[in-house]
Each structure stands twice: as C-alpha cells, then as structure tokens.
N, C-alpha and C. Protein backbone atom coordinates (compact mmCIF):
# COMPACT_ATOMS: atom_id res chain seq x y z
N MET A 1 -38.77 14.86 42.73
CA MET A 1 -39.03 16.29 42.69
C MET A 1 -37.86 17.03 42.05
N LEU A 2 -38.16 17.89 41.11
CA LEU A 2 -37.12 18.69 40.47
C LEU A 2 -36.97 20.03 41.16
N PHE A 3 -35.74 20.54 41.15
CA PHE A 3 -35.44 21.86 41.69
C PHE A 3 -35.53 22.87 40.55
N ILE A 4 -36.76 23.25 40.23
CA ILE A 4 -37.00 24.12 39.08
C ILE A 4 -36.31 25.48 39.25
N GLU A 5 -36.10 25.88 40.52
CA GLU A 5 -35.44 27.16 40.77
C GLU A 5 -33.99 27.19 40.30
N ALA A 6 -33.43 26.03 39.95
CA ALA A 6 -32.05 25.95 39.49
C ALA A 6 -31.89 26.37 38.02
N ILE A 7 -32.99 26.64 37.36
CA ILE A 7 -32.93 26.96 35.94
C ILE A 7 -33.82 28.17 35.66
N ASP A 8 -33.35 29.07 34.83
CA ASP A 8 -34.12 30.26 34.46
C ASP A 8 -35.43 29.84 33.76
N PRO A 9 -36.54 30.53 34.04
CA PRO A 9 -37.82 30.16 33.40
C PRO A 9 -37.76 30.11 31.88
N ALA A 10 -37.01 31.03 31.26
CA ALA A 10 -36.91 31.03 29.80
C ALA A 10 -36.15 29.80 29.31
N THR A 11 -35.12 29.40 30.06
CA THR A 11 -34.36 28.19 29.72
C THR A 11 -35.23 26.96 29.87
N LEU A 12 -36.02 26.91 30.93
CA LEU A 12 -36.92 25.78 31.16
C LEU A 12 -37.94 25.68 30.04
N GLU A 13 -38.51 26.80 29.64
CA GLU A 13 -39.49 26.80 28.56
C GLU A 13 -38.88 26.30 27.25
N LEU A 14 -37.67 26.77 26.95
CA LEU A 14 -36.99 26.32 25.72
C LEU A 14 -36.67 24.84 25.80
N LEU A 15 -36.24 24.37 26.95
CA LEU A 15 -35.91 22.96 27.13
C LEU A 15 -37.11 22.07 26.86
N ILE A 16 -38.26 22.45 27.40
CA ILE A 16 -39.48 21.68 27.18
C ILE A 16 -39.85 21.67 25.69
N GLN A 17 -39.71 22.80 25.03
CA GLN A 17 -40.00 22.88 23.59
C GLN A 17 -39.05 21.99 22.80
N LEU A 18 -37.77 22.01 23.16
CA LEU A 18 -36.78 21.20 22.43
C LEU A 18 -37.08 19.71 22.58
N GLN A 19 -37.38 19.28 23.79
CA GLN A 19 -37.59 17.85 24.01
C GLN A 19 -38.92 17.37 23.45
N ALA A 20 -39.78 18.31 23.06
CA ALA A 20 -41.04 17.93 22.41
C ALA A 20 -40.87 17.76 20.90
N LEU A 21 -39.74 18.23 20.35
CA LEU A 21 -39.51 18.07 18.91
C LEU A 21 -39.22 16.60 18.59
N PRO A 22 -39.75 16.07 17.48
CA PRO A 22 -39.55 14.66 17.14
C PRO A 22 -38.08 14.23 17.10
N ALA A 23 -37.22 15.07 16.57
CA ALA A 23 -35.80 14.69 16.43
C ALA A 23 -35.10 14.57 17.78
N PHE A 24 -35.65 15.23 18.81
CA PHE A 24 -34.97 15.30 20.10
C PHE A 24 -35.71 14.57 21.22
N SER A 25 -36.79 13.90 20.90
CA SER A 25 -37.65 13.32 21.94
C SER A 25 -36.95 12.24 22.77
N SER A 26 -35.93 11.59 22.19
CA SER A 26 -35.22 10.54 22.94
C SER A 26 -33.95 11.05 23.62
N LEU A 27 -33.65 12.33 23.45
CA LEU A 27 -32.42 12.87 24.03
C LEU A 27 -32.59 13.17 25.52
N ARG A 28 -31.48 13.10 26.24
CA ARG A 28 -31.51 13.33 27.68
C ARG A 28 -30.74 14.59 28.03
N LEU A 29 -31.29 15.37 28.94
CA LEU A 29 -30.57 16.53 29.45
C LEU A 29 -29.45 16.05 30.36
N VAL A 30 -28.24 16.56 30.14
CA VAL A 30 -27.07 16.10 30.89
C VAL A 30 -26.33 17.32 31.48
N ARG A 31 -25.09 17.05 31.91
CA ARG A 31 -24.17 18.07 32.42
C ARG A 31 -24.76 18.85 33.59
N GLY A 32 -24.33 20.10 33.72
CA GLY A 32 -24.66 20.87 34.91
C GLY A 32 -26.14 21.11 35.12
N THR A 33 -26.86 21.41 34.05
CA THR A 33 -28.29 21.69 34.19
C THR A 33 -29.05 20.42 34.58
N GLY A 34 -28.66 19.29 34.00
CA GLY A 34 -29.30 18.03 34.37
C GLY A 34 -29.08 17.70 35.83
N LEU A 35 -27.87 17.98 36.33
CA LEU A 35 -27.57 17.73 37.74
C LEU A 35 -28.26 18.74 38.64
N ALA A 36 -28.21 20.02 38.27
CA ALA A 36 -28.79 21.07 39.12
C ALA A 36 -30.29 20.88 39.31
N LEU A 37 -30.99 20.44 38.28
CA LEU A 37 -32.43 20.20 38.41
C LEU A 37 -32.73 19.06 39.38
N GLN A 38 -31.77 18.14 39.55
CA GLN A 38 -32.00 16.99 40.42
C GLN A 38 -31.52 17.20 41.85
N ILE A 39 -30.48 18.04 42.05
CA ILE A 39 -29.98 18.21 43.42
C ILE A 39 -30.07 19.65 43.92
N GLY A 40 -30.35 20.60 43.02
CA GLY A 40 -30.63 21.97 43.45
C GLY A 40 -29.49 22.71 44.08
N HIS A 41 -28.26 22.44 43.63
CA HIS A 41 -27.09 23.04 44.29
C HIS A 41 -26.68 24.39 43.72
N ARG A 42 -26.98 24.64 42.42
CA ARG A 42 -26.55 25.90 41.81
C ARG A 42 -27.46 26.23 40.64
N ILE A 43 -27.31 27.47 40.17
CA ILE A 43 -28.01 27.90 38.96
C ILE A 43 -27.22 27.42 37.74
N SER A 44 -27.91 26.88 36.76
CA SER A 44 -27.26 26.46 35.53
C SER A 44 -28.01 27.05 34.34
N ILE A 45 -27.27 27.46 33.33
CA ILE A 45 -27.88 28.28 32.28
C ILE A 45 -27.86 27.65 30.89
N ASP A 46 -27.06 26.61 30.69
CA ASP A 46 -26.95 26.00 29.36
C ASP A 46 -27.85 24.78 29.24
N ILE A 47 -28.12 24.39 27.99
CA ILE A 47 -28.88 23.17 27.70
C ILE A 47 -27.99 22.22 26.92
N ASP A 48 -27.83 21.01 27.44
CA ASP A 48 -27.01 19.99 26.79
C ASP A 48 -27.87 18.74 26.62
N LEU A 49 -28.19 18.40 25.38
CA LEU A 49 -29.04 17.24 25.08
C LEU A 49 -28.20 16.20 24.36
N PHE A 50 -28.10 15.01 24.96
CA PHE A 50 -27.27 13.93 24.43
C PHE A 50 -28.14 12.71 24.15
N GLY A 51 -27.76 11.96 23.13
CA GLY A 51 -28.45 10.71 22.82
C GLY A 51 -28.25 10.31 21.39
N ASN A 52 -29.06 9.37 20.95
CA ASN A 52 -28.97 8.85 19.59
C ASN A 52 -29.85 9.69 18.67
N ILE A 53 -29.21 10.51 17.84
CA ILE A 53 -29.94 11.40 16.94
C ILE A 53 -29.99 10.76 15.56
N LYS A 54 -31.19 10.47 15.10
CA LYS A 54 -31.32 9.83 13.79
C LYS A 54 -31.38 10.88 12.67
N ALA A 55 -31.82 12.09 12.98
CA ALA A 55 -31.89 13.16 11.98
C ALA A 55 -30.49 13.69 11.68
N ASP A 56 -30.26 14.10 10.42
CA ASP A 56 -28.96 14.69 10.09
C ASP A 56 -28.94 16.15 10.57
N GLU A 57 -27.75 16.78 10.45
CA GLU A 57 -27.60 18.13 11.00
C GLU A 57 -28.52 19.15 10.33
N PHE A 58 -28.89 18.90 9.07
CA PHE A 58 -29.78 19.84 8.38
C PHE A 58 -31.21 19.71 8.92
N GLU A 59 -31.65 18.49 9.17
CA GLU A 59 -32.97 18.27 9.76
C GLU A 59 -33.03 18.83 11.18
N VAL A 60 -31.92 18.69 11.91
CA VAL A 60 -31.84 19.26 13.26
C VAL A 60 -32.12 20.77 13.21
N VAL A 61 -31.44 21.46 12.31
CA VAL A 61 -31.62 22.91 12.19
C VAL A 61 -33.05 23.24 11.77
N ASN A 62 -33.59 22.49 10.84
CA ASN A 62 -34.96 22.75 10.37
C ASN A 62 -35.98 22.60 11.50
N GLN A 63 -35.79 21.59 12.34
CA GLN A 63 -36.72 21.41 13.46
C GLN A 63 -36.58 22.54 14.48
N LEU A 64 -35.35 22.98 14.70
CA LEU A 64 -35.14 24.10 15.62
C LEU A 64 -35.85 25.36 15.13
N LYS A 65 -35.83 25.55 13.82
CA LYS A 65 -36.45 26.75 13.25
C LYS A 65 -37.96 26.78 13.45
N SER A 66 -38.53 25.63 13.79
CA SER A 66 -39.98 25.59 14.04
C SER A 66 -40.35 26.23 15.38
N ILE A 67 -39.35 26.41 16.26
CA ILE A 67 -39.64 27.02 17.57
C ILE A 67 -38.87 28.32 17.80
N ALA A 68 -37.79 28.55 17.03
CA ALA A 68 -36.97 29.74 17.25
C ALA A 68 -36.07 29.95 16.05
N THR A 69 -35.26 31.01 16.12
CA THR A 69 -34.26 31.27 15.09
C THR A 69 -32.88 30.98 15.68
N PRO A 70 -32.32 29.80 15.42
CA PRO A 70 -31.03 29.45 16.04
C PRO A 70 -29.85 30.11 15.35
N THR A 71 -28.87 30.49 16.13
CA THR A 71 -27.57 30.91 15.59
C THR A 71 -26.63 29.72 15.70
N VAL A 72 -26.08 29.29 14.58
CA VAL A 72 -25.24 28.09 14.56
C VAL A 72 -23.82 28.45 14.96
N LEU A 73 -23.30 27.83 16.03
CA LEU A 73 -21.90 27.99 16.42
C LEU A 73 -21.05 26.86 15.88
N LYS A 74 -21.64 25.66 15.82
CA LYS A 74 -20.93 24.49 15.28
C LYS A 74 -21.96 23.54 14.73
N LYS A 75 -21.68 22.97 13.55
CA LYS A 75 -22.62 22.03 12.94
C LYS A 75 -21.84 20.88 12.34
N SER A 76 -22.08 19.68 12.83
CA SER A 76 -21.43 18.48 12.29
C SER A 76 -22.35 17.30 12.50
N LYS A 77 -21.90 16.14 12.09
CA LYS A 77 -22.74 14.94 12.22
C LYS A 77 -23.06 14.63 13.68
N ASN A 78 -22.07 14.81 14.56
CA ASN A 78 -22.25 14.37 15.94
C ASN A 78 -22.42 15.49 16.96
N ILE A 79 -21.92 16.68 16.65
CA ILE A 79 -21.98 17.79 17.62
C ILE A 79 -22.56 19.03 16.94
N ASN A 80 -23.66 19.51 17.49
CA ASN A 80 -24.28 20.75 16.99
C ASN A 80 -24.44 21.71 18.16
N ILE A 81 -23.91 22.91 18.00
CA ILE A 81 -23.98 23.91 19.07
C ILE A 81 -24.66 25.17 18.53
N PHE A 82 -25.64 25.64 19.29
CA PHE A 82 -26.45 26.78 18.86
C PHE A 82 -26.59 27.80 19.99
N ILE A 83 -26.92 29.01 19.60
CA ILE A 83 -27.46 29.99 20.54
C ILE A 83 -28.93 30.20 20.14
N ILE A 84 -29.83 29.92 21.07
CA ILE A 84 -31.26 30.04 20.81
C ILE A 84 -31.86 30.94 21.89
N ASN A 85 -32.40 32.07 21.47
CA ASN A 85 -32.97 33.04 22.43
C ASN A 85 -31.96 33.42 23.51
N GLY A 86 -30.69 33.52 23.11
CA GLY A 86 -29.64 33.90 24.04
C GLY A 86 -29.13 32.77 24.92
N ILE A 87 -29.60 31.55 24.68
CA ILE A 87 -29.22 30.39 25.50
C ILE A 87 -28.36 29.44 24.67
N LYS A 88 -27.23 29.01 25.23
CA LYS A 88 -26.36 28.05 24.54
C LYS A 88 -26.97 26.66 24.62
N VAL A 89 -27.08 26.02 23.46
CA VAL A 89 -27.69 24.69 23.37
C VAL A 89 -26.73 23.76 22.63
N ASP A 90 -26.30 22.69 23.29
CA ASP A 90 -25.49 21.64 22.67
C ASP A 90 -26.39 20.44 22.39
N ILE A 91 -26.36 19.95 21.16
CA ILE A 91 -27.11 18.75 20.80
C ILE A 91 -26.09 17.75 20.26
N VAL A 92 -25.90 16.66 20.99
CA VAL A 92 -24.78 15.76 20.73
C VAL A 92 -25.27 14.34 20.47
N ASN A 93 -24.81 13.77 19.36
CA ASN A 93 -25.05 12.37 19.05
C ASN A 93 -24.08 11.56 19.89
N TYR A 94 -24.61 10.86 20.89
CA TYR A 94 -23.77 10.30 21.96
C TYR A 94 -23.68 8.79 21.85
N PRO A 95 -22.47 8.23 21.63
CA PRO A 95 -22.34 6.80 21.35
C PRO A 95 -22.24 5.91 22.59
N TYR A 96 -22.05 6.50 23.77
CA TYR A 96 -21.80 5.67 24.95
C TYR A 96 -23.10 5.17 25.57
N PRO A 97 -23.04 4.01 26.24
CA PRO A 97 -24.26 3.43 26.83
C PRO A 97 -24.75 4.25 28.03
N TRP A 98 -26.05 4.24 28.23
CA TRP A 98 -26.61 4.83 29.44
C TRP A 98 -26.59 3.78 30.54
N LEU A 99 -26.25 4.18 31.74
CA LEU A 99 -26.12 3.24 32.85
C LEU A 99 -27.46 2.98 33.54
N ALA A 100 -28.38 3.93 33.42
CA ALA A 100 -29.66 3.82 34.13
C ALA A 100 -30.73 4.56 33.34
N PRO A 101 -31.99 4.20 33.56
CA PRO A 101 -33.09 4.91 32.88
C PRO A 101 -33.10 6.39 33.26
N PRO A 102 -33.61 7.23 32.36
CA PRO A 102 -33.67 8.66 32.66
C PRO A 102 -34.79 8.99 33.64
N LEU A 103 -34.69 10.18 34.21
CA LEU A 103 -35.78 10.73 35.00
C LEU A 103 -36.73 11.47 34.07
N ARG A 104 -38.00 11.11 34.12
CA ARG A 104 -39.01 11.79 33.29
C ARG A 104 -39.99 12.49 34.21
N GLU A 105 -39.98 13.81 34.14
CA GLU A 105 -40.83 14.60 35.03
C GLU A 105 -41.02 15.99 34.43
N ASN A 106 -42.20 16.56 34.62
CA ASN A 106 -42.49 17.92 34.14
C ASN A 106 -42.20 18.10 32.66
N ASN A 107 -42.51 17.09 31.85
CA ASN A 107 -42.26 17.14 30.40
C ASN A 107 -40.78 17.19 30.05
N LEU A 108 -39.93 16.76 30.97
CA LEU A 108 -38.49 16.74 30.76
C LEU A 108 -37.99 15.31 30.83
N THR A 109 -36.91 15.05 30.08
CA THR A 109 -36.21 13.78 30.17
C THR A 109 -34.77 14.09 30.54
N ILE A 110 -34.38 13.67 31.74
CA ILE A 110 -33.08 14.04 32.31
C ILE A 110 -32.28 12.78 32.58
N ALA A 111 -31.00 12.79 32.20
CA ALA A 111 -30.14 11.64 32.45
C ALA A 111 -30.07 11.36 33.95
N ASN A 112 -29.97 10.08 34.28
CA ASN A 112 -29.80 9.66 35.67
C ASN A 112 -28.53 10.28 36.26
N ILE A 113 -28.55 10.54 37.56
CA ILE A 113 -27.40 11.16 38.21
C ILE A 113 -26.13 10.34 38.01
N ILE A 114 -26.23 9.01 37.98
CA ILE A 114 -25.01 8.22 37.85
C ILE A 114 -24.39 8.38 36.46
N ASP A 115 -25.23 8.59 35.44
CA ASP A 115 -24.69 8.88 34.10
C ASP A 115 -24.03 10.25 34.09
N ILE A 116 -24.69 11.24 34.69
CA ILE A 116 -24.12 12.58 34.75
C ILE A 116 -22.80 12.56 35.52
N ALA A 117 -22.75 11.77 36.59
CA ALA A 117 -21.52 11.68 37.39
C ALA A 117 -20.37 11.12 36.57
N ALA A 118 -20.63 10.05 35.82
CA ALA A 118 -19.58 9.47 34.97
C ALA A 118 -19.11 10.47 33.93
N MET A 119 -20.04 11.19 33.34
CA MET A 119 -19.70 12.18 32.34
C MET A 119 -18.93 13.35 32.95
N LYS A 120 -19.23 13.66 34.21
CA LYS A 120 -18.53 14.75 34.90
C LYS A 120 -17.06 14.39 35.11
N LEU A 121 -16.78 13.14 35.47
CA LEU A 121 -15.37 12.71 35.60
C LEU A 121 -14.67 12.76 34.26
N SER A 122 -15.37 12.39 33.21
CA SER A 122 -14.78 12.47 31.86
C SER A 122 -14.46 13.91 31.50
N ALA A 123 -15.36 14.83 31.83
CA ALA A 123 -15.14 16.25 31.53
C ALA A 123 -13.93 16.79 32.28
N ILE A 124 -13.81 16.42 33.56
CA ILE A 124 -12.68 16.89 34.36
C ILE A 124 -11.37 16.33 33.82
N THR A 125 -11.41 15.11 33.32
CA THR A 125 -10.21 14.52 32.74
C THR A 125 -9.77 15.26 31.50
N GLY A 126 -10.74 15.80 30.76
CA GLY A 126 -10.42 16.59 29.57
C GLY A 126 -9.86 17.96 29.93
N ARG A 127 -10.66 18.75 30.62
CA ARG A 127 -10.24 20.06 31.11
C ARG A 127 -11.30 20.52 32.08
N GLY A 128 -11.05 20.33 33.36
CA GLY A 128 -12.06 20.62 34.36
C GLY A 128 -12.29 22.11 34.55
N THR A 129 -13.54 22.53 34.49
CA THR A 129 -13.91 23.91 34.79
C THR A 129 -14.28 24.02 36.27
N LYS A 130 -14.39 25.24 36.75
CA LYS A 130 -14.78 25.43 38.15
C LYS A 130 -16.15 24.80 38.41
N LYS A 131 -17.07 24.94 37.46
CA LYS A 131 -18.39 24.34 37.61
C LYS A 131 -18.30 22.82 37.72
N ASP A 132 -17.41 22.21 36.94
CA ASP A 132 -17.24 20.76 36.99
C ASP A 132 -16.80 20.31 38.39
N PHE A 133 -15.82 21.02 38.96
CA PHE A 133 -15.32 20.65 40.27
C PHE A 133 -16.38 20.90 41.36
N ILE A 134 -17.14 21.98 41.20
CA ILE A 134 -18.22 22.24 42.16
C ILE A 134 -19.27 21.13 42.08
N ASP A 135 -19.62 20.72 40.87
CA ASP A 135 -20.57 19.61 40.72
C ASP A 135 -20.03 18.34 41.36
N LEU A 136 -18.72 18.08 41.18
CA LEU A 136 -18.12 16.89 41.79
C LEU A 136 -18.17 16.98 43.31
N PHE A 137 -17.93 18.16 43.86
CA PHE A 137 -18.02 18.38 45.31
C PHE A 137 -19.37 17.90 45.84
N PHE A 138 -20.44 18.26 45.13
CA PHE A 138 -21.77 17.86 45.59
C PHE A 138 -22.06 16.38 45.29
N LEU A 139 -21.51 15.86 44.22
CA LEU A 139 -21.67 14.42 43.94
C LEU A 139 -21.00 13.59 45.03
N LEU A 140 -19.89 14.11 45.58
CA LEU A 140 -19.19 13.39 46.65
C LEU A 140 -19.97 13.36 47.96
N LYS A 141 -21.05 14.13 48.04
CA LYS A 141 -21.95 14.05 49.18
C LYS A 141 -22.95 12.91 49.01
N LEU A 142 -23.08 12.45 47.77
CA LEU A 142 -24.04 11.38 47.45
C LEU A 142 -23.36 10.03 47.27
N TYR A 143 -22.13 10.05 46.75
CA TYR A 143 -21.40 8.82 46.42
C TYR A 143 -19.95 8.93 46.86
N SER A 144 -19.33 7.80 47.16
CA SER A 144 -17.89 7.79 47.41
C SER A 144 -17.16 7.95 46.09
N LEU A 145 -15.89 8.34 46.16
CA LEU A 145 -15.10 8.45 44.94
C LEU A 145 -14.99 7.10 44.25
N ASN A 146 -14.88 6.03 45.03
CA ASN A 146 -14.81 4.69 44.44
C ASN A 146 -16.08 4.38 43.63
N GLN A 147 -17.23 4.74 44.16
CA GLN A 147 -18.49 4.54 43.42
C GLN A 147 -18.51 5.36 42.13
N LEU A 148 -18.07 6.62 42.23
CA LEU A 148 -18.06 7.48 41.04
C LEU A 148 -17.13 6.92 39.97
N LEU A 149 -15.98 6.41 40.39
CA LEU A 149 -15.05 5.83 39.43
C LEU A 149 -15.61 4.56 38.81
N ASN A 150 -16.37 3.81 39.57
CA ASN A 150 -17.02 2.62 39.01
C ASN A 150 -18.05 3.01 37.95
N PHE A 151 -18.80 4.08 38.20
CA PHE A 151 -19.73 4.57 37.16
C PHE A 151 -18.95 4.94 35.91
N TYR A 152 -17.84 5.63 36.10
CA TYR A 152 -17.01 6.07 34.97
C TYR A 152 -16.51 4.87 34.16
N LYS A 153 -16.03 3.84 34.85
CA LYS A 153 -15.47 2.66 34.15
C LYS A 153 -16.56 1.87 33.43
N GLN A 154 -17.76 1.85 33.99
CA GLN A 154 -18.87 1.19 33.31
C GLN A 154 -19.24 1.92 32.02
N LYS A 155 -19.23 3.23 32.09
CA LYS A 155 -19.65 4.04 30.95
C LYS A 155 -18.55 4.14 29.90
N TYR A 156 -17.31 4.21 30.35
CA TYR A 156 -16.16 4.37 29.44
C TYR A 156 -15.16 3.24 29.70
N PRO A 157 -15.43 2.04 29.20
CA PRO A 157 -14.55 0.90 29.47
C PRO A 157 -13.10 1.12 29.03
N ASP A 158 -12.91 1.99 28.04
CA ASP A 158 -11.55 2.27 27.57
C ASP A 158 -10.93 3.48 28.27
N GLY A 159 -11.61 4.03 29.27
CA GLY A 159 -11.08 5.19 30.00
C GLY A 159 -9.98 4.80 30.97
N SER A 160 -9.22 5.79 31.41
CA SER A 160 -8.09 5.56 32.31
C SER A 160 -8.41 6.06 33.71
N GLU A 161 -8.54 5.15 34.66
CA GLU A 161 -8.78 5.54 36.05
C GLU A 161 -7.61 6.36 36.58
N PHE A 162 -6.40 5.99 36.19
CA PHE A 162 -5.20 6.73 36.62
C PHE A 162 -5.29 8.19 36.17
N LEU A 163 -5.68 8.41 34.94
CA LEU A 163 -5.77 9.77 34.41
C LEU A 163 -6.87 10.57 35.12
N VAL A 164 -7.98 9.90 35.43
CA VAL A 164 -9.05 10.58 36.18
C VAL A 164 -8.53 11.04 37.53
N ILE A 165 -7.92 10.13 38.27
CA ILE A 165 -7.41 10.46 39.61
C ILE A 165 -6.41 11.61 39.54
N LYS A 166 -5.54 11.56 38.55
CA LYS A 166 -4.54 12.63 38.39
C LYS A 166 -5.21 13.97 38.10
N SER A 167 -6.28 13.95 37.31
CA SER A 167 -6.95 15.18 36.90
C SER A 167 -7.80 15.80 38.00
N LEU A 168 -8.25 14.98 38.95
CA LEU A 168 -9.19 15.46 39.97
C LEU A 168 -8.61 16.54 40.86
N THR A 169 -7.30 16.55 41.03
CA THR A 169 -6.69 17.56 41.90
C THR A 169 -5.87 18.58 41.12
N TYR A 170 -6.09 18.63 39.81
CA TYR A 170 -5.43 19.66 38.99
C TYR A 170 -6.44 20.78 38.77
N PHE A 171 -6.32 21.82 39.59
CA PHE A 171 -7.30 22.91 39.59
C PHE A 171 -6.83 24.15 38.83
N ASP A 172 -5.59 24.13 38.34
CA ASP A 172 -4.98 25.36 37.80
C ASP A 172 -5.83 25.99 36.69
N ASP A 173 -6.32 25.17 35.77
CA ASP A 173 -7.07 25.72 34.63
C ASP A 173 -8.41 26.32 35.05
N ALA A 174 -8.88 25.95 36.23
CA ALA A 174 -10.20 26.42 36.68
C ALA A 174 -10.12 27.63 37.59
N GLU A 175 -8.93 27.99 38.04
CA GLU A 175 -8.79 29.04 39.06
C GLU A 175 -9.43 30.36 38.64
N ASP A 176 -9.30 30.73 37.39
CA ASP A 176 -9.79 32.03 36.93
C ASP A 176 -11.24 32.01 36.44
N ASP A 177 -11.87 30.83 36.46
CA ASP A 177 -13.27 30.75 36.04
C ASP A 177 -14.16 31.52 37.03
N ASP A 178 -15.26 32.04 36.53
CA ASP A 178 -16.25 32.67 37.41
C ASP A 178 -16.88 31.63 38.32
N PHE A 179 -17.18 32.02 39.54
CA PHE A 179 -17.89 31.14 40.46
C PHE A 179 -19.38 31.22 40.14
N PRO A 180 -20.04 30.09 39.95
CA PRO A 180 -21.47 30.13 39.58
C PRO A 180 -22.34 30.65 40.72
N VAL A 181 -23.55 31.03 40.38
CA VAL A 181 -24.52 31.42 41.41
C VAL A 181 -24.99 30.16 42.12
N MET A 182 -24.76 30.13 43.43
CA MET A 182 -25.05 28.92 44.20
C MET A 182 -26.42 29.02 44.88
N LEU A 183 -27.09 27.89 45.00
CA LEU A 183 -28.31 27.78 45.78
C LEU A 183 -28.03 27.13 47.12
N VAL A 184 -26.91 26.42 47.21
CA VAL A 184 -26.42 25.84 48.46
C VAL A 184 -25.04 26.45 48.70
N ASP A 185 -24.86 27.04 49.85
CA ASP A 185 -23.65 27.81 50.14
C ASP A 185 -22.40 26.93 50.15
N THR A 186 -21.37 27.37 49.45
CA THR A 186 -20.06 26.74 49.52
C THR A 186 -19.05 27.74 48.97
N ASN A 187 -17.77 27.36 49.01
CA ASN A 187 -16.73 28.24 48.48
C ASN A 187 -15.67 27.38 47.79
N TRP A 188 -14.84 28.02 47.00
CA TRP A 188 -13.88 27.32 46.15
C TRP A 188 -12.86 26.54 46.96
N GLN A 189 -12.40 27.12 48.08
CA GLN A 189 -11.41 26.41 48.91
C GLN A 189 -12.01 25.12 49.49
N ALA A 190 -13.26 25.18 49.92
CA ALA A 190 -13.92 24.00 50.46
C ALA A 190 -14.10 22.92 49.40
N VAL A 191 -14.42 23.35 48.18
CA VAL A 191 -14.56 22.41 47.06
C VAL A 191 -13.26 21.67 46.83
N LYS A 192 -12.17 22.41 46.72
CA LYS A 192 -10.87 21.79 46.43
C LYS A 192 -10.44 20.86 47.56
N GLN A 193 -10.67 21.30 48.80
CA GLN A 193 -10.23 20.48 49.93
C GLN A 193 -11.00 19.17 50.01
N ARG A 194 -12.30 19.21 49.77
CA ARG A 194 -13.09 17.98 49.83
C ARG A 194 -12.65 16.99 48.75
N ILE A 195 -12.36 17.50 47.55
CA ILE A 195 -11.92 16.63 46.47
C ILE A 195 -10.55 16.04 46.79
N ARG A 196 -9.63 16.88 47.29
CA ARG A 196 -8.30 16.38 47.68
C ARG A 196 -8.42 15.29 48.74
N ASN A 197 -9.29 15.50 49.71
CA ASN A 197 -9.47 14.51 50.77
C ASN A 197 -10.04 13.21 50.22
N ALA A 198 -10.97 13.31 49.28
CA ALA A 198 -11.56 12.11 48.69
C ALA A 198 -10.51 11.31 47.92
N VAL A 199 -9.66 12.01 47.18
CA VAL A 199 -8.59 11.34 46.42
C VAL A 199 -7.58 10.71 47.38
N LYS A 200 -7.22 11.43 48.42
CA LYS A 200 -6.26 10.92 49.41
C LYS A 200 -6.78 9.65 50.06
N GLN A 201 -8.05 9.69 50.47
CA GLN A 201 -8.66 8.53 51.10
C GLN A 201 -8.73 7.34 50.15
N PHE A 202 -9.09 7.61 48.91
CA PHE A 202 -9.16 6.57 47.89
C PHE A 202 -7.82 5.88 47.72
N LEU A 203 -6.75 6.67 47.63
CA LEU A 203 -5.41 6.11 47.44
C LEU A 203 -4.91 5.38 48.67
N GLU A 204 -5.26 5.89 49.86
CA GLU A 204 -4.82 5.24 51.10
C GLU A 204 -5.48 3.87 51.29
N LEU A 205 -6.66 3.71 50.71
CA LEU A 205 -7.36 2.42 50.81
C LEU A 205 -6.81 1.40 49.81
N GLY A 206 -5.83 1.83 49.02
CA GLY A 206 -5.14 0.91 48.12
C GLY A 206 -5.89 0.55 46.88
N HIS A 207 -6.78 1.44 46.40
CA HIS A 207 -7.51 1.17 45.15
C HIS A 207 -6.56 1.26 43.97
C-alpha cells in the first residue's frame, strides 16, 4: 500500500505521466518521494527518476514536451534537471546496481526501500540535508545502522564506511534547512539524538 497523501496530487499526476513515457518506463522513483510514498512519514515535493536511460538528452527533452513545457535547469548525458509545472524533476542515468526489484503499484515504479536507504547514506556522505537526516531517522526504525551500512556497501563497493559514519553525526550544514511538513510527528532534536545513539551503539559493538 502506498501513502498517496505524502505527495501532492499534481506531483502524482506528473509522475504517472513521466513513467508512462517510453524513455522513462524503466526508471525508478528514488530519494525522499520514493521513501515517503512507501512509509508515509512526510510530504515530499520533488520527482527523482533514476535508471538506465538509453535516450540522449535531446530525446529526453522532446519526450517531456509531449506532456508539458519543461524549463531546463541542467542538461547533460547523465544528469538532467527540469522544472515542470512548478515541480523539480531530476532524471539521472544511474550506473549503480539495484539491490532489489522495484515496487510497482498505482502505475508507479518505485525503488525498493533498501536501495533508497543506501542512496540516502551516500547523499548524507556528500552533504546531508535536514530531509536526509529525517529520512534516516525513520529508516532506523526499520533497519539497524549495521544493516543500512551493509546495503550501502553492496550498492557502492568502492564507498567508505568510515566516511559514512563520520558524516552521520555532522549536522552543521543542515541546521538552517527548513523542516519539512511531517505526517508522523517528530522534531529535529529527536532526529539528531536517535542518529547519534545509533552511531554510538554501532561503534560500541566493535564494527
């Protein structure tokens, strides 16, 4: 069952239209919106579609024009970012393996939670936003930190577990971010404390 209330109706309609386009039919919804639809913890407003894109960036734009008038923010072979009907849409040619089959429901194709979890750790290692840490807080209700790190290592064999652990408790860059609209009540201090506790426990167990 999907938590449709986690996504604006206009965003949902656009997402269904995008995934029906031939160039995007194999792409999976990832990041915050992919997670929010599966666990219903917060409102998410962006669309992020990742996968193997065979069409070039010009064909991508042409197909988008069949459903809307996109504003191009970035256009390259692997990363295309648009504003479509006021909604930010990332379309990414993604080279990493998928760990599990996608969820297919309501005309949507959504990456498995374990793939989204691995990608979330990668995002935090780069520059964690408040939304990333909030998503991790809820992922830690489903999986232990050790399990999440195992997903990360499977997906990114060349990734650094040390760097992930170090990044998980670095909240400075996220402090001034807006707090998202939540569907499950929580607060920023609780998010940080749960993550700190998970890291502390992980290290105490000698991982």
